[in-house]
Protein backbone atom coordinates (compact mmCIF):
# COMPACT_ATOMS: atom_id res chain seq x y z
CA MET A 1 4.77 -17.72 12.82
CA GLU A 2 1.84 -18.41 10.52
CA THR A 3 -0.58 -16.59 12.83
CA PHE A 4 1.77 -13.60 12.99
CA LEU A 5 2.08 -13.57 9.20
CA TRP A 6 -1.70 -13.68 8.71
CA GLY A 7 -1.99 -10.81 11.18
CA VAL A 8 0.53 -8.73 9.24
CA GLN A 9 -1.21 -9.54 5.95
CA GLY A 10 -4.60 -8.68 7.39
CA PHE A 11 -3.36 -5.38 8.78
CA LEU A 12 -1.70 -4.45 5.49
CA ALA A 13 -4.77 -5.48 3.50
CA CYS A 14 -7.00 -3.25 5.66
CA VAL A 15 -4.65 -0.27 5.45
CA PHE A 16 -4.20 -0.49 1.69
CA LEU A 17 -7.87 -1.20 1.03
CA ILE A 18 -8.96 1.91 2.95
CA ALA A 19 -6.21 4.11 1.50
CA GLY A 20 -6.75 2.74 -1.98
CA VAL A 21 -10.49 3.33 -1.99
CA ALA A 22 -9.96 6.86 -0.62
CA SER A 23 -7.39 7.56 -3.34
CA ALA A 24 -9.24 5.94 -6.22
CA SER A 25 -12.48 7.73 -5.38
CA GLY A 26 -10.76 11.11 -5.31
CA PHE A 27 -11.65 11.72 -1.66
CA LEU A 28 -8.06 12.33 -0.55
CA GLU A 29 -7.40 14.70 -3.43
CA ARG A 30 -10.52 16.78 -2.67
CA ARG A 31 -9.64 16.86 1.04
CA ALA A 32 -6.05 17.95 0.36
CA HIS A 33 -7.28 20.67 -2.04
CA ALA A 34 -9.75 21.93 0.53
CA GLN A 35 -6.97 22.16 3.14
CA GLY A 36 -4.60 23.89 0.72
CA ILE A 37 -2.16 20.96 0.57
CA VAL A 38 -0.31 20.58 -2.73
CA MET A 39 -0.21 16.91 -3.74
CA PRO A 40 2.97 15.83 -5.57
CA VAL A 41 0.93 13.28 -7.56
CA GLN A 42 -2.45 14.39 -8.83
CA GLY A 43 -5.32 13.41 -11.08
CA LEU A 44 -5.36 10.13 -12.92
CA ARG A 45 -1.96 9.03 -11.60
CA PHE A 46 -3.14 9.40 -8.01
CA ARG A 47 -6.32 7.44 -8.74
CA LEU A 48 -4.35 4.69 -10.50
CA ILE A 49 -2.13 4.35 -7.45
CA GLY A 50 -5.30 3.92 -5.42
CA VAL A 51 -6.54 1.17 -7.76
CA ALA A 52 -3.14 -0.53 -7.43
CA GLU A 53 -3.41 -0.34 -3.63
CA VAL A 54 -6.86 -1.95 -3.71
CA ALA A 55 -5.63 -4.69 -6.03
CA GLY A 56 -2.58 -5.22 -3.81
CA SER A 57 -4.74 -5.53 -0.70
CA ILE A 58 -6.76 -8.25 -2.36
CA GLY A 59 -3.56 -9.89 -3.60
CA LEU A 60 -2.15 -10.07 -0.09
CA ILE A 61 -4.99 -12.29 1.17
CA ALA A 62 -6.98 -13.97 -1.61
CA PRO A 63 -4.33 -16.10 -3.38
CA VAL A 64 -3.01 -17.74 -0.21
CA ALA A 65 -6.46 -18.08 1.36
CA THR A 66 -7.93 -19.83 -1.69
CA GLY A 67 -4.81 -21.70 -2.78
CA ILE A 68 -5.28 -20.34 -6.30
CA ALA A 69 -2.02 -18.89 -7.66
CA PRO A 70 -0.37 -18.27 -4.25
CA VAL A 71 2.68 -16.84 -6.06
CA LEU A 72 0.62 -13.65 -6.46
CA THR A 73 0.83 -12.86 -2.72
CA PRO A 74 4.57 -12.07 -2.67
CA LEU A 75 4.20 -10.19 -5.94
CA ALA A 76 1.40 -8.08 -4.43
CA ALA A 77 3.60 -7.41 -1.37
CA ALA A 78 6.49 -6.40 -3.62
CA GLY A 79 4.26 -4.06 -5.63
CA LEU A 80 2.92 -2.42 -2.48
CA ALA A 81 6.48 -2.04 -1.14
CA ILE A 82 7.44 -0.23 -4.36
CA ILE A 83 4.47 2.12 -3.96
CA MET A 84 5.51 2.81 -0.36
CA ALA A 85 9.10 3.47 -1.44
CA GLY A 86 7.83 6.13 -3.85
CA ALA A 87 5.53 7.56 -1.19
CA THR A 88 8.46 7.75 1.24
CA VAL A 89 10.56 9.73 -1.23
CA LEU A 90 7.73 12.12 -2.09
CA ASN A 91 6.90 12.70 1.59
CA LEU A 92 10.55 13.35 2.48
CA ARG A 93 10.80 15.88 -0.37
CA ALA A 94 7.68 17.61 0.96
CA GLY A 95 9.11 17.69 4.48
CA ARG A 96 6.55 15.26 5.95
CA ARG A 97 8.97 13.10 7.96
CA ILE A 98 6.38 11.39 10.16
CA THR A 99 4.35 10.29 7.13
CA ALA A 100 7.54 9.08 5.48
CA PHE A 101 8.33 7.06 8.60
CA VAL A 102 4.88 5.42 8.44
CA ASN A 103 5.42 4.65 4.74
CA THR A 104 8.77 3.07 5.59
CA GLY A 105 7.13 0.90 8.26
CA LEU A 106 4.46 -0.29 5.82
CA MET A 107 7.17 -0.99 3.26
CA ALA A 108 9.07 -3.10 5.82
CA MET A 109 5.93 -5.06 6.62
CA CYS A 110 5.40 -5.70 2.92
CA ALA A 111 8.99 -6.95 2.75
CA VAL A 112 8.28 -9.41 5.58
CA VAL A 113 5.30 -10.81 3.67
CA PHE A 114 7.35 -11.00 0.48
CA ASP A 115 10.18 -12.83 2.23
CA ALA A 116 7.82 -15.30 3.89
CA TYR A 117 6.13 -16.39 0.65
CA TRP A 118 8.81 -15.98 -2.03
CA LYS A 119 10.48 -19.30 -2.78
């Protein structure tokens, strides 16, 4: 079970690190604008969500790996799950059902990590 959990955490950390850096740097916003896609969240809010995703990706791994404040790992998972819940709603409103399905899957994986570490 521990190996599975580390695999889930590693996968989530990679996904949120890549997405967070792309969001925080403004890359995703520029790409969406170039393709004519209207983003429901724009500007500073979008970049702050990216920063939160990067912080969450670090929070999924670092506290448990170092043994320093391991209570932060389930809190990071909960925060990322909340971000994914919001992303699911926004994508459903925009008619992007497949993206919303992916967001729901990531949210479920965050819930697994939260449940495993929250005591």
